[in-house]
Structures are given as structure tokens and as C-alpha cells.
Amino acid sequence: MSQQPVHAVSGRLILLIKSGYWLALLIIAAMVVASFILLQQVMSTQRHNQALLDIVSTQKALSQRIVFLAGATGSASRD
């Protein structure tokens, strides 16, 4: 049974720790990038929905005005 030198074992351990560190750092970086992309998509969807809600509220106000004017012209013609 052959024994390995102590500095060879410690060198492998240091390499393993460094590899784990870089792997963890890469995973964290990938999660940050994915979160940023997801946040950008959610914000884009929110802006689109806000634009649609603005159009809907404008159309609602215009339709209420049309109903009001139609009612006013109908009552004026009867008078």
C-alpha cells in the first residue's frame, strides 16, 4: 500500500475547493442574469398592459360622452 505525500493531497484539496468556489460563482452569476432577464420581461409586459388600460379608459370616457350627447340631443328634439 503506497501513501501519497501530504502536499499532493493538500494540493488536490485546494484544487477541489477552488473548483467548487468557481462553480458556485458561475451558478450565482447565471441566476443574476436570469433574474435580470425575467425582470425586464415582466416590466415590458407591465408597460404594455398599462398602455392597453389607458386606451380602454379613454374609450370608456368617449363612449360615455357619446351616450350623454345622444341623450341630450334626444331630449332637445322632443322639447
C-alpha atoms as a PDB file:
ATOM      1  CA  MET A   1       0.000   0.000   0.000  1.00  0.00           C
ATOM      2  CA  SER A   2       1.583   3.259  -1.142  1.00  0.00           C
ATOM      3  CA  GLN A   3       0.969   6.520   0.628  1.00  0.00           C
ATOM      4  CA  GLN A   4       0.788   9.834  -1.176  1.00  0.00           C
ATOM      5  CA  PRO A   5       2.773  12.819   0.011  1.00  0.00           C
ATOM      6  CA  VAL A   6       0.907  15.265   2.201  1.00  0.00           C
ATOM      7  CA  HIS A   7       1.376  18.219  -0.156  1.00  0.00           C
ATOM      8  CA  ALA A   8      -0.098  16.191  -3.075  1.00  0.00           C
ATOM      9  CA  VAL A   9      -3.260  15.522  -1.051  1.00  0.00           C
ATOM     10  CA  SER A  10      -3.483  19.131   0.111  1.00  0.00           C
ATOM     11  CA  GLY A  11      -2.911  20.290  -3.476  1.00  0.00           C
ATOM     12  CA  ARG A  12      -5.854  18.205  -4.649  1.00  0.00           C
ATOM     13  CA  LEU A  13      -7.987  19.521  -1.802  1.00  0.00           C
ATOM     14  CA  ILE A  14      -7.112  23.118  -2.680  1.00  0.00           C
ATOM     15  CA  LEU A  15      -7.944  22.436  -6.342  1.00  0.00           C
ATOM     16  CA  LEU A  16     -11.267  20.893  -5.326  1.00  0.00           C
ATOM     17  CA  ILE A  17     -12.125  23.893  -3.134  1.00  0.00           C
ATOM     18  CA  LYS A  18     -11.188  26.339  -5.915  1.00  0.00           C
ATOM     19  CA  SER A  19     -13.277  24.395  -8.415  1.00  0.00           C
ATOM     20  CA  GLY A  20     -16.252  24.439  -6.058  1.00  0.00           C
ATOM     21  CA  TYR A  21     -15.809  28.153  -5.490  1.00  0.00           C
ATOM     22  CA  TRP A  22     -15.768  28.940  -9.216  1.00  0.00           C
ATOM     23  CA  LEU A  23     -18.729  26.647  -9.866  1.00  0.00           C
ATOM     24  CA  ALA A  24     -20.741  28.363  -7.129  1.00  0.00           C
ATOM     25  CA  LEU A  25     -19.756  31.766  -8.514  1.00  0.00           C
ATOM     26  CA  LEU A  26     -20.879  30.754 -12.011  1.00  0.00           C
ATOM     27  CA  ILE A  27     -24.203  29.488 -10.668  1.00  0.00           C
ATOM     28  CA  ILE A  28     -24.783  32.763  -8.820  1.00  0.00           C
ATOM     29  CA  ALA A  29     -23.903  34.772 -11.936  1.00  0.00           C
ATOM     30  CA  ALA A  30     -26.295  32.696 -14.055  1.00  0.00           C
ATOM     31  CA  MET A  31     -29.074  33.248 -11.527  1.00  0.00           C
ATOM     32  CA  VAL A  32     -28.445  37.009 -11.507  1.00  0.00           C
ATOM     33  CA  VAL A  33     -28.579  37.164 -15.307  1.00  0.00           C
ATOM     34  CA  ALA A  34     -31.749  35.039 -15.412  1.00  0.00           C
ATOM     35  CA  SER A  35     -33.395  37.245 -12.758  1.00  0.00           C
ATOM     36  CA  PHE A  36     -32.471  40.378 -14.708  1.00  0.00           C
ATOM     37  CA  ILE A  37     -33.933  38.986 -17.944  1.00  0.00           C
ATOM     38  CA  LEU A  38     -37.106  37.875 -16.176  1.00  0.00           C
ATOM     39  CA  LEU A  39     -37.486  41.276 -14.523  1.00  0.00           C
ATOM     40  CA  GLN A  40     -37.076  43.026 -17.892  1.00  0.00           C
ATOM     41  CA  GLN A  41     -39.791  40.831 -19.418  1.00  0.00           C
ATOM     42  CA  VAL A  42     -42.167  41.474 -16.525  1.00  0.00           C
ATOM     43  CA  MET A  43     -41.569  45.232 -16.763  1.00  0.00           C
ATOM     44  CA  SER A  44     -42.170  45.151 -20.525  1.00  0.00           C
ATOM     45  CA  THR A  45     -45.437  43.272 -20.025  1.00  0.00           C
ATOM     46  CA  GLN A  46     -46.453  45.761 -17.335  1.00  0.00           C
ATOM     47  CA  ARG A  47     -45.808  48.714 -19.677  1.00  0.00           C
ATOM     48  CA  HIS A  48     -47.828  47.014 -22.420  1.00  0.00           C
ATOM     49  CA  ASN A  49     -50.718  46.341 -20.018  1.00  0.00           C
ATOM     50  CA  GLN A  50     -50.630  49.946 -18.816  1.00  0.00           C
ATOM     51  CA  ALA A  51     -50.857  51.198 -22.397  1.00  0.00           C
ATOM     52  CA  LEU A  52     -53.860  48.944 -23.015  1.00  0.00           C
ATOM     53  CA  LEU A  53     -55.547  50.164 -19.826  1.00  0.00           C
ATOM     54  CA  ASP A  54     -55.001  53.775 -20.927  1.00  0.00           C
ATOM     55  CA  ILE A  55     -56.675  53.031 -24.267  1.00  0.00           C
ATOM     56  CA  VAL A  56     -59.578  51.267 -22.545  1.00  0.00           C
ATOM     57  CA  SER A  57     -60.183  54.152 -20.129  1.00  0.00           C
ATOM     58  CA  THR A  58     -60.067  56.668 -22.990  1.00  0.00           C
ATOM     59  CA  GLN A  59     -62.560  54.603 -24.996  1.00  0.00           C
ATOM     60  CA  LYS A  60     -64.816  54.301 -21.935  1.00  0.00           C
ATOM     61  CA  ALA A  61     -64.824  58.061 -21.435  1.00  0.00           C
ATOM     62  CA  LEU A  62     -65.583  58.646 -25.118  1.00  0.00           C
ATOM     63  CA  SER A  63     -68.425  56.123 -25.148  1.00  0.00           C
ATOM     64  CA  GLN A  64     -69.941  57.712 -22.029  1.00  0.00           C
ATOM     65  CA  ARG A  65     -69.711  61.103 -23.717  1.00  0.00           C
ATOM     66  CA  ILE A  66     -71.445  59.742 -26.838  1.00  0.00           C
ATOM     67  CA  VAL A  67     -74.277  58.297 -24.728  1.00  0.00           C
ATOM     68  CA  PHE A  68     -74.618  61.580 -22.858  1.00  0.00           C
ATOM     69  CA  LEU A  69     -74.689  63.635 -26.081  1.00  0.00           C
ATOM     70  CA  ALA A  70     -77.151  61.236 -27.710  1.00  0.00           C
ATOM     71  CA  GLY A  71     -79.410  61.550 -24.686  1.00  0.00           C
ATOM     72  CA  ALA A  72     -79.072  65.350 -24.731  1.00  0.00           C
ATOM     73  CA  THR A  73     -79.932  65.588 -28.427  1.00  0.00           C
ATOM     74  CA  GLY A  74     -82.867  63.204 -27.975  1.00  0.00           C
ATOM     75  CA  SER A  75     -84.359  65.292 -25.144  1.00  0.00           C
ATOM     76  CA  ALA A  76     -83.719  68.543 -27.047  1.00  0.00           C
ATOM     77  CA  SER A  77     -85.542  67.320 -30.129  1.00  0.00           C
ATOM     78  CA  ARG A  78     -88.557  66.293 -28.035  1.00  0.00           C
ATOM     79  CA  ASP A  79     -88.699  69.721 -26.392  1.00  0.00           C
END
